[in-house]
C-alpha atoms as a PDB file:
ATOM      1  CA  MET A   1       0.753  -5.778  49.359  1.00  0.00           C
ATOM      2  CA  LYS A   2       1.479  -2.483  51.048  1.00  0.00           C
ATOM      3  CA  LEU A   3       4.164  -2.123  53.680  1.00  0.00           C
ATOM      4  CA  LYS A   4       3.491  -0.425  56.952  1.00  0.00           C
ATOM      5  CA  GLU A   5       5.484   2.623  57.970  1.00  0.00           C
ATOM      6  CA  ILE A   6       7.459   0.641  60.558  1.00  0.00           C
ATOM      7  CA  GLU A   7       8.406  -1.953  57.921  1.00  0.00           C
ATOM      8  CA  LEU A   8       9.599   0.796  55.562  1.00  0.00           C
ATOM      9  CA  TYR A   9      12.115   1.972  58.162  1.00  0.00           C
ATOM     10  CA  GLU A  10      13.596  -1.529  58.362  1.00  0.00           C
ATOM     11  CA  ILE A  11      14.471  -1.697  54.647  1.00  0.00           C
ATOM     12  CA  LYS A  12      18.214  -1.417  54.165  1.00  0.00           C
ATOM     13  CA  GLY A  13      19.877  -0.850  50.815  1.00  0.00           C
ATOM     14  CA  GLY A  14      23.075  -2.483  49.695  1.00  0.00           C
ATOM     15  CA  ALA A  15      26.390  -0.687  49.997  1.00  0.00           C
ATOM     16  CA  VAL A  16      27.270  -1.486  46.398  1.00  0.00           C
ATOM     17  CA  SER A  17      24.688  -0.677  43.782  1.00  0.00           C
ATOM     18  CA  ALA A  18      24.752  -0.859  40.003  1.00  0.00           C
ATOM     19  CA  THR A  19      24.916   2.926  39.784  1.00  0.00           C
ATOM     20  CA  LEU A  20      27.965   3.036  42.029  1.00  0.00           C
ATOM     21  CA  LEU A  21      29.733   0.317  40.037  1.00  0.00           C
ATOM     22  CA  ASN A  22      28.908   2.042  36.759  1.00  0.00           C
ATOM     23  CA  SER A  23      30.256   5.380  37.961  1.00  0.00           C
ATOM     24  CA  MET A  24      33.458   3.772  39.270  1.00  0.00           C
ATOM     25  CA  ALA A  25      34.002   1.998  35.943  1.00  0.00           C
ATOM     26  CA  ARG A  26      33.455   5.269  34.091  1.00  0.00           C
ATOM     27  CA  ILE A  27      35.944   7.105  36.342  1.00  0.00           C
ATOM     28  CA  ILE A  28      38.583   4.406  35.807  1.00  0.00           C
ATOM     29  CA  SER A  29      37.979   4.477  32.058  1.00  0.00           C
ATOM     30  CA  THR A  30      38.323   8.269  31.985  1.00  0.00           C
ATOM     31  CA  VAL A  31      41.553   8.200  33.991  1.00  0.00           C
ATOM     32  CA  LEU A  32      43.045   5.548  31.689  1.00  0.00           C
ATOM     33  CA  GLU A  33      42.090   7.524  28.589  1.00  0.00           C
ATOM     34  CA  LEU A  34      43.578  10.687  30.101  1.00  0.00           C
ATOM     35  CA  GLY A  35      46.810   8.788  30.809  1.00  0.00           C
ATOM     36  CA  ARG A  36      46.977   7.547  27.224  1.00  0.00           C
ATOM     37  CA  THR A  37      46.445  11.066  25.903  1.00  0.00           C
ATOM     38  CA  VAL A  38      49.115  12.594  28.129  1.00  0.00           C
ATOM     39  CA  GLY A  39      51.557   9.783  27.348  1.00  0.00           C
ATOM     40  CA  SER A  40      50.987  10.168  23.631  1.00  0.00           C
ATOM     41  CA  SER A  41      51.514  13.930  23.880  1.00  0.00           C
ATOM     42  CA  ILE A  42      54.762  13.506  25.804  1.00  0.00           C
ATOM     43  CA  ARG A  43      56.005  10.949  23.273  1.00  0.00           C
ATOM     44  CA  ARG A  44      55.205  13.294  20.364  1.00  0.00           C
ATOM     45  CA  ILE A  45      56.981  16.203  22.071  1.00  0.00           C
ATOM     46  CA  TYR A  46      60.165  14.163  22.634  1.00  0.00           C
ATOM     47  CA  SER A  47      60.178  12.684  19.135  1.00  0.00           C
ATOM     48  CA  LYS A  48      59.251  16.073  17.608  1.00  0.00           C
ATOM     49  CA  ASN A  49      56.595  14.377  15.507  1.00  0.00           C
ATOM     50  CA  TYR A  50      53.683  16.809  15.219  1.00  0.00           C
ATOM     51  CA  CYS A  51      50.671  16.408  12.991  1.00  0.00           C
END
């Protein structure tokens, strides 16, 4: 079944898509990992424990 041009204009996408959710989850994961890395570095500097 083919849609007519007028019907194609009436199609509305959702505001939240799987791609958007995936990118938000990846951003949050990256920020958390960055926080862990910075926190670990600060803790090593204060305890003067270098590898």
